[in-house]
């Protein structure tokens, strides 16, 4: 009979938390479910193939059994994990959320041929200072700082053109790279900027090509790649 496992959430403590910390590796094993443990749980869920709407710091009995090697992952987890390993690096470690804002009309968004502007991106919420990484191997084509901390276009931006010609755009960030730099997938390119008039986040866009520019028809929903 499988032993009983409780639902683990941040700020709990106990021997079961210590077992999770040992299994995750790279942590002080103190039995306290703090922020570092929570971040490692999210990273492990992403790498293990959890769906995006379940990549959080909550670890239930099934997740613990999987982490501790007491059960096998569902087939869809394994296939999703393989796609993630071979395709892209997750740019932020915080929870993505299940919904996209890609096609929502927004007066500050990307102009479309029909005359409407759209928020053609995913807002990836994270605390200020959260690391932003390049999802794919490529070259930095923009690294622009901006001291503003409020408004629809606050903060700096970074654009990375990958080897397939797609452009990964991060706005509301503090750049940690320079134009012309060659990157490998997973290299740090920015940190999330502090926003004074709302919750901090990285505004993530995907362009089909650099030449296509800031046009709705030239943009792809990031949830296509990370959802």
Protein backbone atom coordinates (compact mmCIF):
# COMPACT_ATOMS: atom_id res chain seq x y z
CA UNK A 1 0.00 0.00 0.00
CA UNK A 2 1.32 3.43 -0.97
CA UNK A 3 2.03 5.64 2.03
CA UNK A 4 -0.14 8.67 2.63
CA UNK A 5 1.27 11.94 1.31
CA UNK A 6 -0.08 15.37 2.16
CA UNK A 7 -0.48 18.42 -0.07
CA UNK A 8 2.69 20.49 0.14
CA UNK A 9 2.55 24.26 -0.21
CA UNK A 10 4.97 27.09 0.65
CA UNK A 11 5.57 27.81 4.36
CA UNK A 12 4.92 24.23 5.46
CA UNK A 13 7.67 22.21 7.09
CA UNK A 14 8.37 18.58 7.87
CA UNK A 15 10.21 15.43 6.91
CA UNK A 16 8.22 15.19 3.67
CA UNK A 17 9.45 18.65 2.64
CA UNK A 18 13.01 17.54 3.39
CA UNK A 19 12.49 14.46 1.19
CA UNK A 20 11.33 16.71 -1.67
CA UNK A 21 14.36 18.98 -1.18
CA UNK A 22 16.73 16.00 -1.38
CA UNK A 23 15.04 14.72 -4.52
CA UNK A 24 15.19 18.13 -6.22
CA UNK A 25 18.86 18.62 -5.44
CA UNK A 26 20.76 21.89 -5.18
CA UNK A 27 18.95 22.94 -1.98
CA UNK A 28 19.73 23.16 1.71
CA UNK A 29 17.75 20.27 3.20
CA UNK A 30 16.14 21.98 6.18
CA UNK A 31 12.56 20.72 5.86
CA UNK A 32 11.19 24.27 5.38
CA UNK A 33 9.19 24.99 2.21
CA UNK A 34 10.62 28.42 1.43
CA UNK A 35 10.96 30.49 -1.76
CA UNK A 36 13.99 28.59 -3.08
CA UNK A 37 12.22 25.26 -2.70
CA UNK A 38 9.13 26.71 -4.38
CA UNK A 39 11.22 27.92 -7.33
CA UNK A 40 12.88 24.52 -7.72
CA UNK A 41 9.47 22.78 -7.65
CA UNK A 42 8.27 25.01 -10.49
CA UNK A 43 11.44 24.30 -12.48
CA UNK A 44 11.06 20.57 -11.92
CA UNK A 45 7.42 20.65 -13.02
CA UNK A 46 8.35 22.44 -16.22
CA UNK A 47 11.14 19.99 -17.04
CA UNK A 48 8.92 17.02 -16.16
CA UNK A 49 6.22 17.96 -18.66
CA UNK A 50 3.47 19.32 -16.44
CA UNK A 51 0.90 21.39 -18.38
CA UNK A 52 1.47 25.13 -18.03
CA UNK A 53 -1.60 25.72 -15.85
CA UNK A 54 -0.15 23.32 -13.26
CA UNK A 55 3.34 24.77 -13.07
CA UNK A 56 3.10 26.26 -9.59
CA UNK A 57 4.58 25.73 -6.14
CA UNK A 58 1.90 23.27 -5.02
CA UNK A 59 3.04 19.65 -4.84
CA UNK A 60 0.32 17.09 -4.26
CA UNK A 61 0.64 13.37 -3.49
CA UNK A 62 0.84 12.41 -7.19
CA UNK A 63 3.57 14.95 -7.83
CA UNK A 64 5.57 13.82 -4.81
CA UNK A 65 5.30 10.19 -5.87
CA UNK A 66 6.58 11.13 -9.32
CA UNK A 67 9.43 13.24 -7.94
CA UNK A 68 10.46 10.54 -5.45
CA UNK A 69 10.47 7.85 -8.14
CA UNK A 70 7.47 5.99 -6.72
CA UNK A 71 5.38 6.31 -9.90
CA UNK A 72 5.85 6.80 -13.62
CA UNK A 73 4.83 10.03 -15.42
CA UNK A 74 1.77 9.91 -17.69
CA UNK A 75 2.67 9.50 -21.38
CA UNK A 76 1.58 13.04 -22.17
CA UNK A 77 4.00 14.38 -19.51
CA UNK A 78 6.91 12.52 -21.07
CA UNK A 79 6.11 13.69 -24.59
CA UNK A 80 5.64 17.28 -23.44
CA UNK A 81 8.92 17.21 -21.53
CA UNK A 82 10.73 15.91 -24.61
CA UNK A 83 9.29 18.72 -26.76
CA UNK A 84 10.43 21.27 -24.21
CA UNK A 85 13.94 19.82 -24.02
CA UNK A 86 14.39 19.79 -27.78
CA UNK A 87 12.61 23.02 -28.68
CA UNK A 88 12.90 25.88 -26.24
CA UNK A 89 14.07 26.99 -22.82
CA UNK A 90 11.40 28.41 -20.55
CA UNK A 91 12.26 32.15 -20.32
CA UNK A 92 10.91 32.69 -16.77
CA UNK A 93 10.52 30.25 -13.90
CA UNK A 94 7.32 31.70 -12.48
CA UNK A 95 3.89 30.29 -13.25
CA UNK A 96 2.80 31.05 -16.79
CA UNK A 97 -0.96 30.90 -16.24
CA UNK A 98 -3.39 29.13 -18.57
CA UNK A 99 -4.71 32.07 -20.57
CA UNK A 100 -3.32 34.27 -23.33
CA UNK A 101 -3.97 37.94 -23.99
CA UNK A 102 -2.79 37.61 -27.58
CA UNK A 103 -5.94 38.63 -29.46
CA UNK A 104 -7.34 41.16 -26.98
CA UNK A 105 -7.89 44.64 -28.50
CA UNK A 106 -5.67 47.21 -26.84
CA UNK A 107 -5.08 50.84 -27.87
CA UNK A 108 -1.36 50.49 -27.16
CA UNK A 109 -0.99 47.16 -28.96
CA UNK A 110 0.32 46.07 -32.33
CA UNK A 111 -1.56 47.53 -35.34
CA UNK A 112 -3.41 45.10 -37.58
CA UNK A 113 -4.55 45.35 -41.20
CA UNK A 114 -8.16 45.77 -40.02
CA UNK A 115 -7.23 48.98 -38.19
CA UNK A 116 -7.50 47.44 -34.71
CA UNK A 117 -4.57 47.26 -32.31
CA UNK A 118 -4.08 44.04 -30.35
CA UNK A 119 -2.16 43.07 -27.22
CA UNK A 120 -0.29 40.47 -29.28
CA UNK A 121 1.70 39.00 -26.40
CA UNK A 122 1.62 37.09 -23.15
CA UNK A 123 2.12 38.97 -19.87
CA UNK A 124 4.30 36.69 -17.77
CA UNK A 125 3.95 37.91 -14.18
CA UNK A 126 7.00 37.70 -11.94
CA UNK A 127 8.60 39.68 -9.10
CA UNK A 128 11.00 42.49 -10.01
CA UNK A 129 14.47 41.14 -10.59
CA UNK A 130 13.29 37.75 -11.88
CA UNK A 131 15.71 36.35 -14.47
CA UNK A 132 14.64 36.33 -18.14
CA UNK A 133 16.44 33.87 -20.42
CA UNK A 134 16.77 33.42 -24.17
CA UNK A 135 14.35 30.67 -25.25
CA UNK A 136 16.52 29.64 -28.19
CA UNK A 137 20.01 30.06 -29.64
CA UNK A 138 20.30 33.34 -31.50
CA UNK A 139 21.59 36.92 -31.60
CA UNK A 140 20.56 40.01 -29.62
CA UNK A 141 19.16 42.58 -32.06
CA UNK A 142 17.90 45.08 -29.46
CA UNK A 143 18.78 45.81 -25.83
CA UNK A 144 17.18 49.09 -24.81
CA UNK A 145 16.91 50.51 -21.31
CA UNK A 146 14.12 52.84 -20.16
CA UNK A 147 13.98 54.40 -16.67
CA UNK A 148 10.17 54.75 -16.62
CA UNK A 149 8.38 52.57 -14.04
CA UNK A 150 4.76 53.12 -15.07
CA UNK A 151 2.56 53.28 -18.14
CA UNK A 152 1.93 50.90 -21.04
CA UNK A 153 5.50 51.01 -22.38
CA UNK A 154 7.50 51.32 -19.15
CA UNK A 155 10.86 49.60 -18.77
CA UNK A 156 13.38 48.44 -21.32
CA UNK A 157 13.21 45.80 -24.02
CA UNK A 158 15.30 42.98 -25.45
CA UNK A 159 14.89 41.28 -28.83
CA UNK A 160 16.57 37.99 -29.70
CA UNK A 161 16.52 36.68 -33.29
CA UNK A 162 16.84 32.90 -33.27
CA UNK A 163 18.34 30.64 -35.93
CA UNK A 164 14.90 30.09 -37.50
CA UNK A 165 14.40 33.84 -37.97
CA UNK A 166 11.83 34.24 -35.21
CA UNK A 167 12.26 37.17 -32.86
CA UNK A 168 11.67 36.78 -29.12
CA UNK A 169 10.72 40.15 -27.64
CA UNK A 170 10.75 40.94 -23.92
CA UNK A 171 9.39 44.28 -22.74
CA UNK A 172 9.13 45.82 -19.25
CA UNK A 173 12.58 44.44 -18.45
CA UNK A 174 16.05 45.64 -17.49
CA UNK A 175 18.49 44.39 -20.17
CA UNK A 176 21.45 42.27 -19.08
CA UNK A 177 22.96 41.83 -22.52
CA UNK A 178 24.13 43.87 -25.54
CA UNK A 179 23.26 44.14 -29.23
CA UNK A 180 25.22 41.71 -31.36
CA UNK A 181 25.81 39.19 -28.59
CA UNK A 182 25.51 35.55 -29.65
CA UNK A 183 23.39 33.56 -27.22
CA UNK A 184 22.74 29.98 -26.39
CA UNK A 185 19.29 28.89 -25.27
CA UNK A 186 19.03 29.61 -21.56
CA UNK A 187 21.47 32.55 -21.45
CA UNK A 188 20.31 35.46 -19.29
CA UNK A 189 19.14 38.47 -21.31
CA UNK A 190 17.27 40.61 -18.76
CA UNK A 191 15.51 40.85 -15.43
CA UNK A 192 11.90 41.87 -14.84
CA UNK A 193 11.63 45.62 -14.20
CA UNK A 194 9.80 47.08 -11.22
CA UNK A 195 6.44 48.58 -12.18
CA UNK A 196 4.99 51.11 -9.78
CA UNK A 197 1.42 51.24 -11.14
CA UNK A 198 0.65 47.51 -11.31
CA UNK A 199 2.06 44.01 -10.86
CA UNK A 200 5.46 43.52 -12.44
CA UNK A 201 5.70 41.25 -15.46
CA UNK A 202 7.59 40.57 -18.68
CA UNK A 203 5.52 41.29 -21.77
CA UNK A 204 6.52 38.48 -24.15
CA UNK A 205 6.05 38.70 -27.92
CA UNK A 206 7.07 36.33 -30.74
CA UNK A 207 7.60 37.83 -34.20
CA UNK A 208 7.65 35.68 -37.32
CA UNK A 209 10.51 37.75 -38.74
CA UNK A 210 12.50 40.83 -37.75
CA UNK A 211 11.72 42.49 -41.09
CA UNK A 212 7.98 42.07 -40.49
CA UNK A 213 8.19 44.50 -37.58
CA UNK A 214 5.65 45.43 -34.95
CA UNK A 215 2.52 44.30 -36.80
CA UNK A 216 -0.17 41.96 -35.51
CA UNK A 217 0.04 39.83 -38.65
CA UNK A 218 3.77 39.32 -37.98
CA UNK A 219 3.23 37.99 -34.45
CA UNK A 220 2.57 34.57 -32.94
CA UNK A 221 0.88 33.70 -29.67
CA UNK A 222 3.61 32.75 -27.13
CA UNK A 223 1.19 30.21 -25.65
CA UNK A 224 1.71 28.22 -28.87
CA UNK A 225 5.22 27.49 -27.61
CA UNK A 226 4.85 27.50 -23.82
CA UNK A 227 1.22 26.58 -23.14
